[in-house]
Amino acid sequence: MHTKNQLHMKPVLNIQSEIGTLRRVLVHSPDSGLGQVVPSKAQDWLFEDIVHLNTLRKGEYDYYIKLLLYFLDAPKIQHSSTIAQSALTSRAFFKPDHPDFHHSDKVIEIESLLADILADPSIKNNLIAAVCAIEGCNYRLQLQLIETAPAKLAKIILSGSINDEDMIFAPVPNMIFTRDLGVVINQYILLNKPAKKARGRESLLMRYIFFTHPYFKAYQKNILEIPDPIQHFLRPGEDEEQRATLEGGDVMVVSKSHVLIGCSERTSPYGANEAIKLLFQHQVVDKITLIRIPSKRDFMHIDTIFTQVKRNIWVLLGTVAKQTINNPNEPVNFFVPAEQQNTEIIQFFRNSQQAPKRFASLEDLLHDISKNDLQSTAETQFIYSGNDVFPYDAREQWTDSCNLLALKEGVVLGYDRNDKTIQAFREKNFRIITAQEMIQLLETKTLTVDEISDTFITLPSAELSRARGGFHCMSLPLFRDSL
């Protein structure tokens, strides 16, 4: 079962912040299933529109992977005798099933991990049986899959296609949003439970990878699974709040001792409650802040309304962040939009003697994190979606202006289409540079990664943004340096 790829992978897990220098990350490159989403099924599969696969890959996602490699694993991408130029231009370097694939042990591809575990006959048989049961496949197809080579089988299971045209079951286009399937907290892995049926196969695959791949073997006792409420299947109706659902976009590790959990369209109160119990029971953190946001498709997860940029700088949606809540001295203001009356923030402590603490607004919470958890001595600053101007704030939040990935403190990746938000970063003295320009500087060694600070790197986003997720969603960090 030990492939060439595995032998070079030293198992390391440790996440203590959202902004420590990123060293290892789990991603999934867009597979052919994305190119087969049809308009009538797009929203069932949680996309807002169909995408053009080749543009999404070559014109957008490949830049993301190049940047990750330059920052995390430069020898894999820098021009040298080990990388044929033809492999880069033909995209072979970015295709997990191609012999010229990069196989980085820092920018780790899910399809490669899946192929690794499928090389074990026992795991292969069990996983195929589980997938076929979920997808309602017939027995002959199950036998056919058992006879398929691991690398090809991994591609089939992820894309739903035996080849580029013949589909045997639905694709899992949301697999590119790896964050939703699991979160590393310190040296623990919290396995999530996606809310929508369209993501059931993704959850199954990630459980198999985390529990059976050698990379995670040393952390088996640290894998935490969210259970469903007892006898949930007897409850009437299909209300998501009656199930324990939790997605990674609603979990943020803001310090070694503090985790944020959102209750949202995708994370139910039951799921959040079970996560809090598990994390406290295993003494993973000392405090957890629950952030209940409106259950709206617009927001989806808490990382669609805010992410961290530096110890003292956050990007966020102003209309949700500034409101005063639970003020007993003021009546309900019916002229305030409903989403501004539904946010609730409660901080719980593992020490049961310490009473829960409430925050009046998201800004108050983030300021408290910067000052008290991260010991920031600088003024806490907020950069607002759309520069806090309507309608640009709402428009750009929809296209993930607040969903940024920090490669290191102060260096973030985001979409190029969010002009007003980018202008807000510029006004805070951040350098704005395109991914193409940054890659050119790194490629020619005009600039080194260590020299980069206070920078917003913009990536092409015409197709990626149709999937309603940014680079925070498209990353599952495994290891960050401590701050």
Protein backbone atom coordinates (compact mmCIF):
# COMPACT_ATOMS: atom_id res chain seq x y z
CA MET A 1 0.00 0.00 0.00
CA HIS A 2 2.97 2.34 0.41
CA THR A 3 3.33 4.27 -2.82
CA LYS A 4 6.17 6.56 -3.80
CA ASN A 5 3.98 9.49 -2.80
CA GLN A 6 3.38 8.21 0.72
CA LEU A 7 7.02 7.56 1.54
CA HIS A 8 7.78 11.27 1.32
CA MET A 9 4.89 12.35 3.54
CA LYS A 10 5.76 12.99 7.16
CA PRO A 11 2.51 13.04 9.13
CA VAL A 12 2.17 16.49 10.67
CA LEU A 13 -0.99 18.15 11.98
CA ASN A 14 -1.20 21.35 13.97
CA ILE A 15 -3.51 24.32 13.48
CA GLN A 16 -3.57 27.01 16.16
CA SER A 17 -4.69 30.04 14.16
CA GLU A 18 -6.19 31.28 10.91
CA ILE A 19 -3.12 33.35 9.99
CA GLY A 20 0.05 31.47 10.98
CA THR A 21 2.30 30.69 8.02
CA LEU A 22 0.64 27.87 6.08
CA ARG A 23 2.87 24.81 5.63
CA ARG A 24 0.55 21.97 4.61
CA VAL A 25 -2.90 22.03 3.09
CA LEU A 26 -5.39 19.53 1.69
CA VAL A 27 -7.05 20.44 -1.62
CA HIS A 28 -9.07 18.83 -4.39
CA SER A 29 -8.52 19.90 -7.96
CA PRO A 30 -11.67 20.37 -10.06
CA ASP A 31 -12.56 17.03 -11.63
CA SER A 32 -14.63 16.28 -14.71
CA GLY A 33 -17.81 16.09 -12.64
CA LEU A 34 -17.92 19.90 -12.48
CA GLY A 35 -18.15 19.99 -16.25
CA GLN A 36 -21.26 17.82 -16.23
CA VAL A 37 -23.45 19.82 -13.86
CA VAL A 38 -26.64 20.71 -15.74
CA PRO A 39 -28.77 23.84 -15.09
CA SER A 40 -31.72 21.88 -13.72
CA LYS A 41 -29.51 20.23 -11.08
CA ALA A 42 -27.09 23.07 -10.31
CA GLN A 43 -28.81 24.24 -7.13
CA ASP A 44 -29.49 20.68 -5.99
CA TRP A 45 -25.72 20.22 -6.19
CA LEU A 46 -25.26 23.58 -4.38
CA PHE A 47 -23.92 25.54 -7.37
CA GLU A 48 -25.48 28.81 -8.49
CA ASP A 49 -24.76 28.16 -12.17
CA ILE A 50 -23.00 25.79 -14.50
CA VAL A 51 -19.28 26.38 -15.02
CA HIS A 52 -16.93 26.13 -17.98
CA LEU A 53 -14.52 23.48 -16.73
CA ASN A 54 -11.46 24.28 -18.87
CA THR A 55 -11.58 27.98 -17.98
CA LEU A 56 -12.11 27.17 -14.32
CA ARG A 57 -9.12 24.84 -14.32
CA LYS A 58 -6.51 26.45 -16.55
CA GLY A 59 -7.54 30.07 -16.21
CA GLU A 60 -8.31 30.13 -12.49
CA TYR A 61 -7.67 27.14 -10.22
CA ASP A 62 -4.21 26.36 -11.64
CA TYR A 63 -3.04 29.81 -10.53
CA TYR A 64 -4.24 28.95 -7.04
CA ILE A 65 -2.22 25.72 -6.98
CA LYS A 66 0.86 27.48 -8.41
CA LEU A 67 0.71 30.07 -5.66
CA LEU A 68 0.28 27.42 -2.98
CA LEU A 69 3.28 25.55 -4.33
CA TYR A 70 5.47 28.65 -4.49
CA PHE A 71 4.61 29.49 -0.88
CA LEU A 72 4.56 25.95 0.55
CA ASP A 73 6.70 23.77 -1.72
CA ALA A 74 8.75 25.96 -4.07
CA PRO A 75 11.09 23.20 -5.39
CA LYS A 76 8.09 21.46 -6.93
CA ILE A 77 7.18 24.42 -9.12
CA GLN A 78 10.37 26.39 -9.76
CA HIS A 79 11.89 25.87 -13.17
CA SER A 80 14.47 23.11 -12.90
CA SER A 81 15.45 19.90 -14.56
CA THR A 82 12.86 18.06 -12.49
CA ILE A 83 9.91 19.84 -14.09
CA ALA A 84 9.43 19.64 -17.82
CA GLN A 85 8.00 22.88 -19.21
CA SER A 86 5.65 20.83 -21.38
CA ALA A 87 4.08 19.28 -18.28
CA LEU A 88 3.22 22.74 -16.95
CA THR A 89 1.78 24.05 -20.20
CA SER A 90 -0.20 20.87 -20.93
CA ARG A 91 -1.65 20.85 -17.39
CA ALA A 92 -0.24 17.35 -16.77
CA PHE A 93 1.52 18.82 -13.74
CA PHE A 94 -1.90 19.65 -12.22
CA LYS A 95 -3.73 16.40 -13.06
CA PRO A 96 -3.73 13.95 -10.12
CA ASP A 97 -4.04 10.88 -12.37
CA HIS A 98 -1.18 11.89 -14.71
CA PRO A 99 2.40 10.54 -14.34
CA ASP A 100 3.73 14.13 -14.37
CA PHE A 101 1.49 15.28 -11.49
CA HIS A 102 3.38 17.26 -8.85
CA HIS A 103 2.60 14.92 -5.89
CA SER A 104 3.56 17.59 -3.41
CA ASP A 105 3.57 16.52 0.22
CA LYS A 106 2.79 20.11 1.23
CA VAL A 107 -0.09 20.83 -1.18
CA ILE A 108 -1.78 17.47 -0.80
CA GLU A 109 -4.39 16.28 -3.29
CA ILE A 110 -7.40 14.30 -2.06
CA GLU A 111 -7.52 12.21 -5.23
CA SER A 112 -3.95 11.02 -4.55
CA LEU A 113 -4.81 10.05 -0.97
CA LEU A 114 -7.89 8.22 -2.20
CA ALA A 115 -5.84 6.29 -4.77
CA ASP A 116 -3.37 5.38 -2.00
CA ILE A 117 -5.97 3.78 0.26
CA LEU A 118 -7.68 2.03 -2.66
CA ALA A 119 -4.45 0.09 -3.20
CA ASP A 120 -5.41 -1.91 -0.11
CA PRO A 121 -7.85 -4.64 -1.29
CA SER A 122 -9.81 -4.70 1.96
CA ILE A 123 -10.30 -0.94 2.06
CA LYS A 124 -11.09 -0.95 -1.65
CA ASN A 125 -13.86 -3.55 -1.29
CA ASN A 126 -15.40 -1.86 1.73
CA LEU A 127 -15.32 1.60 0.22
CA ILE A 128 -16.77 0.47 -3.10
CA ALA A 129 -19.58 -1.33 -1.27
CA ALA A 130 -20.33 1.81 0.75
CA VAL A 131 -20.30 4.11 -2.30
CA CYS A 132 -22.48 1.71 -4.30
CA ALA A 133 -24.96 1.51 -1.42
CA ILE A 134 -25.21 5.30 -1.21
CA GLU A 135 -25.57 5.69 -4.96
CA GLY A 136 -27.88 2.69 -5.52
CA CYS A 137 -25.55 0.91 -7.97
CA ASN A 138 -26.27 -2.61 -9.16
CA TYR A 139 -24.08 -5.53 -8.15
CA ARG A 140 -22.47 -6.00 -11.56
CA LEU A 141 -21.26 -2.41 -11.52
CA GLN A 142 -19.88 -3.00 -8.03
CA LEU A 143 -17.88 -5.97 -9.31
CA GLN A 144 -16.66 -3.91 -12.26
CA LEU A 145 -15.40 -1.20 -9.92
CA ILE A 146 -13.59 -3.77 -7.77
CA GLU A 147 -11.59 -4.79 -10.86
CA THR A 148 -10.58 -1.17 -11.61
CA ALA A 149 -7.04 0.04 -10.86
CA PRO A 150 -6.77 2.32 -7.78
CA ALA A 151 -5.79 5.54 -9.59
CA LYS A 152 -8.57 5.19 -12.15
CA LEU A 153 -11.06 4.11 -9.50
CA ALA A 154 -10.29 7.19 -7.39
CA LYS A 155 -11.08 9.38 -10.38
CA ILE A 156 -14.34 7.52 -11.06
CA ILE A 157 -15.53 7.74 -7.45
CA LEU A 158 -14.86 11.49 -7.32
CA SER A 159 -16.22 12.47 -10.73
CA GLY A 160 -19.02 9.91 -11.12
CA SER A 161 -17.74 9.16 -14.63
CA ILE A 162 -16.23 5.98 -16.01
CA ASN A 163 -14.90 8.16 -18.81
CA ASP A 164 -15.45 11.76 -19.86
CA GLU A 165 -18.94 10.98 -21.18
CA ASP A 166 -20.45 8.00 -19.34
CA MET A 167 -21.62 8.83 -15.82
CA ILE A 168 -22.58 6.05 -13.41
CA PHE A 169 -23.66 8.30 -10.55
CA ALA A 170 -23.88 11.98 -9.69
CA PRO A 171 -20.73 14.10 -9.45
CA VAL A 172 -19.59 15.68 -6.20
CA PRO A 173 -18.72 19.15 -7.51
CA ASN A 174 -18.44 20.60 -4.00
CA MET A 175 -15.44 18.41 -3.20
CA ILE A 176 -13.24 21.38 -4.17
CA PHE A 177 -14.45 22.98 -0.92
CA THR A 178 -12.31 20.74 1.27
CA ARG A 179 -12.68 22.93 4.38
CA ASP A 180 -16.29 21.83 4.85
CA LEU A 181 -15.37 18.17 5.32
CA GLY A 182 -12.97 18.39 8.22
CA VAL A 183 -11.11 20.86 10.41
CA VAL A 184 -7.77 20.48 12.18
CA ILE A 185 -7.84 22.04 15.65
CA ASN A 186 -4.45 21.90 17.36
CA GLN A 187 -3.59 18.23 16.72
CA TYR A 188 -7.17 16.99 16.53
CA ILE A 189 -9.34 16.40 13.47
CA LEU A 190 -13.00 17.34 13.73
CA LEU A 191 -14.86 15.35 11.08
CA ASN A 192 -17.83 17.32 9.86
CA LYS A 193 -21.34 16.31 8.81
CA PRO A 194 -22.48 18.21 5.70
CA ALA A 195 -26.07 19.34 5.75
CA LYS A 196 -27.05 18.50 2.19
CA LYS A 197 -27.55 15.03 0.69
CA ALA A 198 -25.50 16.12 -2.33
CA ARG A 199 -22.40 15.96 -0.12
CA GLY A 200 -22.97 12.52 1.40
CA ARG A 201 -20.36 10.76 -0.74
CA GLU A 202 -17.78 13.44 0.07
CA SER A 203 -18.25 12.87 3.79
CA LEU A 204 -17.88 9.11 3.37
CA LEU A 205 -14.67 9.45 1.35
CA MET A 206 -13.10 11.81 3.87
CA ARG A 207 -13.89 9.45 6.75
CA TYR A 208 -12.11 6.64 4.92
CA ILE A 209 -9.12 8.86 4.13
CA PHE A 210 -8.74 10.18 7.67
CA PHE A 211 -9.20 6.79 9.32
CA THR A 212 -7.20 4.59 6.92
CA HIS A 213 -4.49 6.64 5.17
CA PRO A 214 -0.97 6.26 6.68
CA TYR A 215 -0.56 10.05 6.79
CA PHE A 216 -3.18 10.28 9.54
CA LYS A 217 -2.29 7.03 11.34
CA ALA A 218 -0.53 8.77 14.22
CA TYR A 219 -3.67 10.84 14.89
CA GLN A 220 -6.32 8.09 14.90
CA LYS A 221 -7.20 8.71 18.55
CA ASN A 222 -7.55 12.41 17.81
CA ILE A 223 -10.28 12.09 15.19
CA LEU A 224 -13.59 13.39 16.52
CA GLU A 225 -16.90 12.54 14.81
CA ILE A 226 -20.14 14.44 15.25
CA PRO A 227 -22.93 12.03 16.29
CA ASP A 228 -26.56 12.53 15.37
CA PRO A 229 -29.09 13.06 18.17
CA ILE A 230 -30.38 9.75 19.54
CA GLN A 231 -33.28 8.43 17.45
CA HIS A 232 -33.17 11.46 15.15
CA PHE A 233 -34.73 9.30 12.42
CA LEU A 234 -38.00 9.12 14.40
CA ARG A 235 -38.43 12.88 14.45
CA PRO A 236 -41.14 14.29 12.15
CA GLY A 237 -40.31 16.28 9.03
CA GLU A 238 -36.94 16.97 7.47
CA ASP A 239 -35.97 20.08 9.38
CA GLU A 240 -32.17 20.39 9.25
CA GLU A 241 -32.17 21.78 12.78
CA GLN A 242 -33.37 18.38 14.02
CA ARG A 243 -30.16 16.79 12.72
CA ALA A 244 -26.56 17.21 13.82
CA THR A 245 -25.03 18.97 10.81
CA LEU A 246 -21.71 20.79 10.85
CA GLU A 247 -19.58 22.17 8.01
CA GLY A 248 -16.02 23.44 8.18
CA GLY A 249 -16.88 26.89 6.92
CA ASP A 250 -18.55 27.36 10.30
CA VAL A 251 -15.46 26.44 12.32
CA MET A 252 -12.51 28.80 12.83
CA VAL A 253 -9.45 28.18 14.98
CA VAL A 254 -8.55 31.71 16.11
CA SER A 255 -6.02 30.70 18.77
CA LYS A 256 -4.62 27.61 20.47
CA SER A 257 -7.32 27.77 23.12
CA HIS A 258 -10.25 29.33 21.23
CA VAL A 259 -12.52 28.08 18.43
CA LEU A 260 -15.45 29.84 16.76
CA ILE A 261 -18.46 27.77 15.65
CA GLY A 262 -21.25 29.18 13.53
CA CYS A 263 -24.91 28.18 13.48
CA SER A 264 -26.00 28.84 9.92
CA GLU A 265 -27.88 27.49 6.93
CA ARG A 266 -25.50 24.51 6.97
CA THR A 267 -24.64 24.00 10.64
CA SER A 268 -27.53 23.14 12.95
CA PRO A 269 -27.78 23.95 16.67
CA TYR A 270 -27.55 20.20 17.35
CA GLY A 271 -24.34 19.95 15.32
CA ALA A 272 -22.78 22.96 17.00
CA ASN A 273 -23.74 21.65 20.43
CA GLU A 274 -22.23 18.22 19.75
CA ALA A 275 -19.02 19.85 18.50
CA ILE A 276 -18.76 21.95 21.67
CA LYS A 277 -19.24 18.86 23.84
CA LEU A 278 -16.61 16.87 21.94
CA LEU A 279 -14.00 19.64 21.98
CA PHE A 280 -14.45 20.29 25.69
CA GLN A 281 -14.62 16.59 26.58
CA HIS A 282 -11.27 15.95 24.85
CA GLN A 283 -9.78 19.18 26.24
CA VAL A 284 -8.94 20.41 22.75
CA VAL A 285 -9.64 24.08 23.59
CA ASP A 286 -10.60 26.15 26.62
CA LYS A 287 -13.32 28.31 25.10
CA ILE A 288 -15.72 28.17 22.17
CA THR A 289 -17.72 31.07 20.83
CA LEU A 290 -21.02 30.23 19.18
CA ILE A 291 -22.04 32.68 16.45
CA ARG A 292 -25.60 32.27 15.26
CA ILE A 293 -26.17 33.99 11.92
CA PRO A 294 -29.30 34.16 9.76
CA SER A 295 -30.08 30.86 8.06
CA LYS A 296 -29.81 32.28 4.55
CA ARG A 297 -28.21 31.07 1.34
CA ASP A 298 -26.57 34.51 1.08
CA PHE A 299 -24.43 33.79 4.12
CA MET A 300 -24.19 29.97 4.19
CA HIS A 301 -21.25 29.85 6.69
CA ILE A 302 -19.57 32.30 9.04
CA ASP A 303 -16.52 32.36 6.75
CA THR A 304 -18.68 33.96 4.07
CA ILE A 305 -19.18 37.00 6.32
CA PHE A 306 -15.73 37.33 7.89
CA THR A 307 -12.17 35.96 7.84
CA GLN A 308 -8.94 37.05 9.48
CA VAL A 309 -6.12 38.91 7.71
CA LYS A 310 -3.71 39.82 10.52
CA ARG A 311 -3.71 39.67 14.32
CA ASN A 312 -5.50 43.00 14.36
CA ILE A 313 -7.19 43.09 10.94
CA TRP A 314 -10.36 41.32 9.80
CA VAL A 315 -12.42 41.49 6.60
CA LEU A 316 -16.17 41.31 7.17
CA LEU A 317 -19.66 42.23 6.02
CA GLY A 318 -20.59 45.45 7.79
CA THR A 319 -24.37 44.99 7.74
CA VAL A 320 -24.10 41.84 9.88
CA ALA A 321 -21.08 42.82 11.97
CA LYS A 322 -22.11 46.13 13.48
CA GLN A 323 -25.57 45.58 14.87
CA THR A 324 -26.36 45.72 18.56
CA ILE A 325 -28.18 42.62 19.75
CA ASN A 326 -30.13 41.49 22.78
CA ASN A 327 -30.39 45.00 24.20
CA PRO A 328 -33.23 44.80 26.73
CA ASN A 329 -33.52 48.60 26.83
CA GLU A 330 -34.48 48.94 23.17
CA PRO A 331 -37.57 47.62 21.41
CA VAL A 332 -37.26 45.69 18.16
CA ASN A 333 -36.58 48.11 15.33
CA PHE A 334 -38.78 46.98 12.48
CA PHE A 335 -36.90 49.23 10.06
CA VAL A 336 -33.73 47.19 10.54
CA PRO A 337 -33.42 44.23 8.13
CA ALA A 338 -34.22 40.87 9.73
CA GLU A 339 -30.66 39.55 9.30
CA GLN A 340 -29.44 42.32 11.62
CA GLN A 341 -31.74 41.17 14.43
CA ASN A 342 -30.91 37.46 14.29
CA THR A 343 -27.20 37.35 15.09
CA GLU A 344 -26.33 36.02 18.53
CA ILE A 345 -22.85 35.55 19.99
CA ILE A 346 -22.25 33.48 23.13
CA GLN A 347 -18.86 32.38 24.47
CA PHE A 348 -18.66 29.13 26.47
CA PHE A 349 -15.81 27.99 28.71
CA ARG A 350 -14.50 24.50 29.43
CA ASN A 351 -14.26 25.54 33.04
CA SER A 352 -17.88 25.06 34.02
CA GLN A 353 -17.48 27.53 36.88
CA GLN A 354 -17.06 30.36 34.38
CA ALA A 355 -20.39 31.74 33.17
CA PRO A 356 -21.01 32.11 29.41
CA LYS A 357 -20.23 35.54 28.00
CA ARG A 358 -22.27 37.43 25.41
CA PHE A 359 -21.01 39.88 22.81
CA ALA A 360 -23.16 42.69 21.43
CA SER A 361 -21.70 42.50 17.93
CA LEU A 362 -19.31 40.59 15.72
CA GLU A 363 -16.93 43.55 15.77
CA ASP A 364 -16.80 43.38 19.57
CA LEU A 365 -15.95 39.67 19.44
CA LEU A 366 -13.20 40.07 16.83
CA HIS A 367 -11.67 42.97 18.74
CA ASP A 368 -11.65 40.81 21.87
CA ILE A 369 -9.90 37.99 19.99
CA SER A 370 -7.25 40.33 18.59
CA LYS A 371 -6.55 41.96 21.94
CA ASN A 372 -6.94 39.12 24.44
CA ASP A 373 -6.33 35.89 22.51
CA LEU A 374 -3.63 37.14 20.15
CA GLN A 375 -2.16 39.87 22.38
CA SER A 376 -2.29 42.43 19.60
CA THR A 377 -1.11 45.85 20.81
CA ALA A 378 -2.15 47.57 17.58
CA GLU A 379 -5.59 49.04 17.00
CA THR A 380 -8.10 46.46 15.76
CA GLN A 381 -9.10 47.32 12.20
CA PHE A 382 -11.94 46.16 9.99
CA ILE A 383 -11.98 46.03 6.20
CA TYR A 384 -15.52 45.86 4.91
CA SER A 385 -17.02 44.01 1.99
CA GLY A 386 -17.72 46.43 -0.84
CA ASN A 387 -15.97 49.14 1.21
CA ASP A 388 -19.17 49.18 3.30
CA VAL A 389 -21.18 50.82 0.53
CA PHE A 390 -24.55 49.46 -0.59
CA PRO A 391 -25.16 47.64 -2.96
CA TYR A 392 -21.50 46.70 -3.43
CA ASP A 393 -21.23 45.24 0.07
CA ALA A 394 -23.98 42.69 -0.63
CA ARG A 395 -22.89 42.03 -4.21
CA GLU A 396 -19.29 41.36 -3.29
CA GLN A 397 -20.11 39.32 -0.19
CA TRP A 398 -22.10 37.05 -2.54
CA THR A 399 -18.91 36.54 -4.57
CA ASP A 400 -16.80 35.80 -1.49
CA SER A 401 -15.16 39.12 -0.72
CA CYS A 402 -14.95 38.00 2.92
CA ASN A 403 -13.83 34.43 2.20
CA LEU A 404 -10.07 34.87 2.07
CA LEU A 405 -7.22 32.41 2.71
CA ALA A 406 -4.18 33.67 4.62
CA LEU A 407 -0.95 32.12 3.31
CA LYS A 408 0.77 33.85 6.20
CA GLU A 409 -0.10 36.77 8.42
CA GLY A 410 -1.11 39.71 6.21
CA VAL A 411 -0.83 37.83 2.89
CA VAL A 412 -4.22 36.71 1.60
CA LEU A 413 -5.76 35.23 -1.54
CA GLY A 414 -9.09 36.47 -2.91
CA TYR A 415 -11.12 36.95 -6.07
CA ASP A 416 -10.22 39.72 -8.51
CA ARG A 417 -13.87 40.62 -9.13
CA ASN A 418 -14.53 42.28 -5.78
CA ASP A 419 -13.34 45.75 -6.77
CA LYS A 420 -14.70 47.80 -3.88
CA THR A 421 -13.38 45.38 -1.27
CA ILE A 422 -9.97 45.41 -2.94
CA GLN A 423 -10.06 49.19 -2.85
CA ALA A 424 -10.76 49.00 0.88
CA PHE A 425 -7.63 46.86 1.29
CA ARG A 426 -5.65 49.37 -0.74
CA GLU A 427 -6.83 52.15 1.58
CA LYS A 428 -5.43 50.13 4.50
CA ASN A 429 -2.03 50.16 2.75
CA PHE A 430 -2.15 46.62 1.40
CA ARG A 431 -0.34 45.91 -1.83
CA ILE A 432 -2.72 44.62 -4.51
CA ILE A 433 -1.13 42.26 -7.01
CA THR A 434 -2.52 39.73 -9.48
CA ALA A 435 -1.65 36.06 -9.19
CA GLN A 436 0.05 36.21 -12.59
CA GLU A 437 2.25 39.10 -11.49
CA MET A 438 3.12 37.43 -8.19
CA ILE A 439 4.02 34.16 -9.88
CA GLN A 440 6.25 36.02 -12.34
CA LEU A 441 8.10 37.74 -9.48
CA LEU A 442 8.57 34.47 -7.61
CA GLU A 443 9.48 32.55 -10.74
CA THR A 444 12.23 35.00 -11.67
CA LYS A 445 13.33 35.23 -8.02
CA THR A 446 12.79 38.99 -8.12
CA LEU A 447 10.89 38.48 -4.87
CA THR A 448 11.01 35.81 -2.18
CA VAL A 449 8.13 34.53 -0.10
CA ASP A 450 9.79 35.78 3.07
CA GLU A 451 9.82 39.35 1.70
CA ILE A 452 6.08 39.47 1.05
CA SER A 453 3.92 41.27 3.63
CA ASP A 454 0.57 43.12 3.76
CA THR A 455 -0.47 41.86 0.33
CA PHE A 456 -3.78 40.95 -1.30
CA ILE A 457 -3.21 38.53 -4.19
CA THR A 458 -6.09 38.56 -6.67
CA LEU A 459 -7.00 35.45 -8.64
CA PRO A 460 -9.25 35.15 -11.71
CA SER A 461 -12.77 34.25 -10.62
CA ALA A 462 -15.34 34.35 -13.42
CA GLU A 463 -16.07 30.61 -13.15
CA LEU A 464 -14.97 29.73 -9.61
CA SER A 465 -17.29 32.32 -8.10
CA ARG A 466 -20.33 30.56 -9.60
CA ALA A 467 -19.79 27.78 -7.08
CA ARG A 468 -20.31 30.15 -4.09
CA GLY A 469 -17.05 29.56 -2.29
CA GLY A 470 -13.72 31.34 -1.97
CA PHE A 471 -10.19 30.20 -1.17
CA HIS A 472 -10.92 29.82 2.54
CA CYS A 473 -13.47 27.18 1.51
CA MET A 474 -11.07 25.61 -1.01
CA SER A 475 -8.46 24.75 1.61
CA LEU A 476 -8.22 22.37 4.52
CA PRO A 477 -5.08 23.53 6.39
CA LEU A 478 -3.21 20.69 8.06
CA PHE A 479 -0.28 22.63 9.51
CA ARG A 480 0.43 26.29 10.23
CA ASP A 481 3.36 27.79 12.11
CA SER A 482 2.55 29.10 15.55
CA LEU A 483 2.14 32.84 15.75
